[in-house]
Protein backbone atom coordinates (compact mmCIF):
# COMPACT_ATOMS: atom_id res chain seq x y z
CA MET A 1 135.43 86.36 133.79
CA TYR A 2 133.94 89.81 133.82
CA VAL A 3 130.34 90.99 133.59
CA LYS A 4 131.02 92.96 130.40
CA ASN A 5 131.99 89.76 128.57
CA HIS A 6 128.59 88.13 129.18
CA MET A 7 126.05 90.93 129.43
CA LEU A 8 123.47 91.80 126.79
CA PRO A 9 124.55 95.24 125.44
CA LYS A 10 122.10 98.12 125.44
CA GLU A 11 121.86 98.27 121.65
CA LYS A 12 120.47 94.73 121.53
CA LEU A 13 117.77 95.25 124.15
CA THR A 14 114.04 95.75 123.79
CA THR A 15 113.24 98.66 126.09
CA LEU A 16 110.28 100.64 127.44
CA ASP A 17 109.81 104.36 127.95
CA LEU A 18 108.33 105.84 131.12
CA ASN A 19 105.52 107.52 129.19
CA GLU A 20 104.68 104.48 127.06
CA ASN A 21 101.23 103.07 127.72
CA VAL A 22 100.74 99.61 129.19
CA GLY A 23 99.21 98.27 125.98
CA SER A 24 102.39 99.05 124.04
CA ALA A 25 104.57 97.65 126.82
CA LEU A 26 102.57 94.43 126.99
CA GLU A 27 102.77 94.03 123.22
CA LYS A 28 106.58 94.23 123.35
CA ILE A 29 106.69 91.77 126.22
CA GLU A 30 104.43 89.28 124.43
CA GLN A 31 106.22 89.58 121.09
CA GLY A 32 109.60 88.88 122.63
CA ASP A 33 108.28 86.32 125.11
CA PHE A 34 109.85 88.35 127.92
CA LEU A 35 109.05 88.26 131.62
CA SER A 36 110.36 91.79 132.16
CA LEU A 37 111.92 94.72 130.32
CA PRO A 38 114.20 97.64 131.27
CA VAL A 39 112.55 101.06 131.56
CA PHE A 40 114.11 104.33 130.33
CA ASP A 41 113.45 108.03 130.47
CA GLY A 42 115.16 109.05 127.25
CA GLU A 43 118.70 107.67 127.62
CA GLU A 44 118.52 107.27 131.40
CA PHE A 45 117.81 103.84 132.88
CA LYS A 46 115.02 104.10 135.44
CA GLY A 47 114.00 100.57 136.47
CA ILE A 48 112.25 97.34 135.55
CA LEU A 49 108.72 96.50 134.44
CA MET A 50 107.65 92.89 134.94
CA LYS A 51 104.81 91.24 133.05
CA GLU A 52 103.43 89.93 136.33
CA ALA A 53 103.27 93.48 137.71
CA ILE A 54 101.02 94.61 134.86
CA TYR A 55 98.48 91.85 135.49
CA ARG A 56 98.66 92.34 139.25
CA TYR A 57 98.04 96.08 138.89
CA PHE A 58 95.02 95.44 136.66
CA PHE A 59 93.37 92.96 139.01
CA GLU A 60 94.18 94.75 142.25
CA SER A 61 92.96 98.10 140.94
CA GLN A 62 89.67 96.44 139.91
CA ILE A 63 89.59 98.46 136.71
CA GLN A 64 86.57 97.36 134.66
CA ASN A 65 87.58 98.84 131.32
CA LYS A 66 90.42 96.73 129.92
CA GLU A 67 90.95 98.91 126.84
CA GLY A 68 91.07 102.03 128.99
CA PHE A 69 93.64 100.37 131.23
CA LEU A 70 95.86 99.47 128.27
CA THR A 71 95.77 102.97 126.78
CA GLU A 72 95.55 105.26 129.79
CA ILE A 73 97.86 103.60 132.33
CA LYS A 74 101.54 104.35 131.70
CA VAL A 75 104.71 102.41 132.37
CA LYS A 76 105.64 105.06 134.95
CA ASP A 77 102.56 104.09 136.98
CA ILE A 78 103.64 100.47 137.40
CA TYR A 79 107.39 100.03 136.92
CA ASN A 80 109.76 99.21 139.80
CA ASP A 81 112.47 101.81 140.40
CA ASP A 82 113.98 99.94 143.37
CA TYR A 83 116.78 97.96 141.75
CA LYS A 84 120.35 96.80 142.35
CA SER A 85 123.00 97.20 139.67
CA ILE A 86 126.50 95.99 138.93
CA LYS A 87 129.57 97.44 137.21
CA GLU A 88 130.74 95.99 133.89
CA ASN A 89 134.24 95.28 135.27
CA GLU A 90 133.03 93.24 138.24
CA LEU A 91 133.52 89.48 138.33
CA ILE A 92 130.71 87.27 137.06
CA GLU A 93 130.72 85.44 140.42
CA ASN A 94 129.54 88.62 142.15
CA ALA A 95 126.68 88.99 139.68
CA SER A 96 125.68 85.37 140.16
CA TYR A 97 125.39 85.90 143.91
CA LEU A 98 123.32 89.07 143.49
CA LEU A 99 120.90 87.46 141.02
CA LYS A 100 120.36 84.56 143.40
CA GLU A 101 119.92 86.67 146.53
CA LEU A 102 117.80 89.45 145.05
CA ARG A 103 115.53 87.21 142.95
CA THR A 104 115.55 89.84 140.23
CA PRO A 105 115.02 88.98 136.52
CA PHE A 106 118.20 90.79 135.51
CA LEU A 107 120.88 93.16 136.75
CA PRO A 108 121.38 96.51 135.02
CA VAL A 109 125.04 97.03 134.18
CA PHE A 110 126.84 100.39 134.35
CA ASN A 111 130.33 101.48 133.35
CA ASP A 112 132.76 103.50 135.48
CA ARG A 113 131.09 106.73 134.30
CA GLU A 114 127.74 105.51 135.67
CA LYS A 115 126.39 105.09 132.14
CA PHE A 116 124.00 102.20 131.51
CA VAL A 117 125.62 99.70 129.11
CA GLY A 118 123.47 96.55 129.27
CA ILE A 119 121.87 93.88 131.43
CA LEU A 120 123.02 90.59 132.89
CA THR A 121 120.40 87.81 132.96
CA HIS A 122 120.20 84.40 134.61
CA PHE A 123 120.72 82.84 131.16
CA SER A 124 123.91 84.88 130.74
CA ILE A 125 125.19 83.48 134.05
CA PHE A 126 124.37 79.94 132.96
CA ASN A 127 126.30 80.42 129.71
CA ALA A 128 129.26 81.89 131.58
CA PHE A 129 129.56 78.94 133.94
CA SER A 130 128.95 76.48 131.10
CA GLU A 131 132.00 78.02 129.47
CA VAL A 132 134.01 77.58 132.67
CA PHE A 133 133.02 73.94 133.01
CA GLY A 134 133.54 73.32 129.29
CA PHE A 135 130.39 71.23 128.93
CA ASP A 136 130.96 70.71 125.21
CA LYS A 137 134.69 69.90 125.37
CA GLY A 138 136.94 67.02 126.36
CA THR A 139 136.20 64.36 128.97
CA LYS A 140 134.78 65.13 132.39
CA ILE A 141 136.25 63.25 135.33
CA VAL A 142 134.93 63.79 138.84
CA VAL A 143 137.38 62.96 141.62
CA ASN A 144 136.42 62.85 145.31
CA MET A 145 139.22 63.69 147.70
CA PHE A 146 139.80 64.49 151.36
CA ASP A 147 140.50 68.09 152.31
CA THR A 148 144.14 67.65 153.25
CA PRO A 149 147.15 69.73 152.13
CA GLY A 150 148.78 68.68 148.85
CA GLN A 151 145.94 66.50 147.54
CA LEU A 152 145.12 68.70 144.56
CA ALA A 153 148.81 69.03 143.68
CA ARG A 154 149.17 65.23 143.75
CA LEU A 155 146.18 64.82 141.45
CA THR A 156 147.41 67.33 138.87
CA GLU A 157 150.88 65.77 138.97
CA VAL A 158 149.38 62.37 138.03
CA ILE A 159 147.72 63.99 135.02
CA ARG A 160 150.86 65.92 134.06
CA LYS A 161 152.93 62.72 133.99
CA GLU A 162 150.46 61.31 131.46
CA ASN A 163 151.07 64.38 129.27
CA ILE A 164 147.36 65.21 129.23
CA ASN A 165 146.13 68.79 129.17
CA ILE A 166 143.71 69.95 131.88
CA MET A 167 141.27 72.18 130.02
CA ASN A 168 139.61 73.43 133.22
CA PHE A 169 138.64 72.28 136.69
CA ALA A 170 136.47 73.32 139.61
CA VAL A 171 136.55 72.35 143.27
CA MET A 172 133.23 71.96 145.08
CA ASP A 173 132.20 71.02 148.58
CA ALA A 174 130.73 67.51 148.42
CA LYS A 175 128.61 68.29 151.51
CA VAL A 176 130.31 65.35 153.24
CA LEU A 177 132.58 66.14 156.17
CA GLY A 178 136.13 66.69 154.95
CA VAL A 179 135.44 65.64 151.34
CA TYR A 180 135.73 67.78 148.22
CA ARG A 181 134.68 67.06 144.67
CA VAL A 182 137.08 68.05 141.89
CA ILE A 183 135.49 68.34 138.45
CA LEU A 184 138.11 68.04 135.71
CA ARG A 185 137.86 68.53 131.97
CA VAL A 186 140.79 66.83 130.26
CA ASP A 187 141.80 66.81 126.62
CA THR A 188 141.65 63.09 125.86
CA ASN A 189 139.23 60.84 124.03
CA ASN A 190 140.66 57.72 125.67
CA PRO A 191 140.45 58.41 129.41
CA GLU A 192 140.52 54.82 130.69
CA ASP A 193 144.30 54.70 131.23
CA LEU A 194 144.29 58.08 132.99
CA ILE A 195 141.42 57.01 135.24
CA ASP A 196 143.35 53.89 136.18
CA LYS A 197 146.43 55.97 137.09
CA ILE A 198 144.31 58.36 139.18
CA SER A 199 142.71 55.44 141.01
CA ARG A 200 146.08 53.80 141.63
CA ALA A 201 147.29 57.06 143.17
CA GLY A 202 144.61 56.63 145.85
CA PHE A 203 141.86 58.88 144.53
CA LYS A 204 138.20 57.87 144.28
CA ILE A 205 136.57 58.44 140.88
CA GLY A 206 133.03 59.75 141.16
CA ASP A 207 131.84 60.17 137.56
CA ILE A 208 133.09 60.07 133.97
CA SER A 209 131.49 61.47 130.83
CA LYS A 210 132.54 62.70 127.37
């Protein structure tokens, strides 16, 4: 999966201009129930303005005149121009790592010509991995197995012999020494017989849900 398949494209974004006053910026943020918005200078992406930064600036500056603050202070006085970005053709896993490590509300996305094309949010990442795990499809079977060569091949062979399609699967560290958790999504509405075959093959079933 690539970033470009899950990002919010530029044309669908609510944006701020560097020379926009804080009152206008805050109105956009409140109307859209946003926590932050991308900042532009014309067509050029410049950074991020967070709602929290506006309030912090107001209180820390000890400005007494609220209306003056909203009309006289500009986005360019408060926004954050120290940001990390990602390319649209990078893998979604890389973006997920960056969002987690940087604790940023979103990642600006650029194409190979260094042109801003959209943003990738935490919600976009959640939707991407929901698609991978197929939360709304098939039957989920969690199998716990030891980390020894050939185990995964044996498991998939059991399922193949039952002529059941594996829609998707993921392998995760169970945080127990030498044990891995395999999360399967299989295309069957009657999984009991398959579960019995998997158990008889020596695998431990951890969870089942439709």
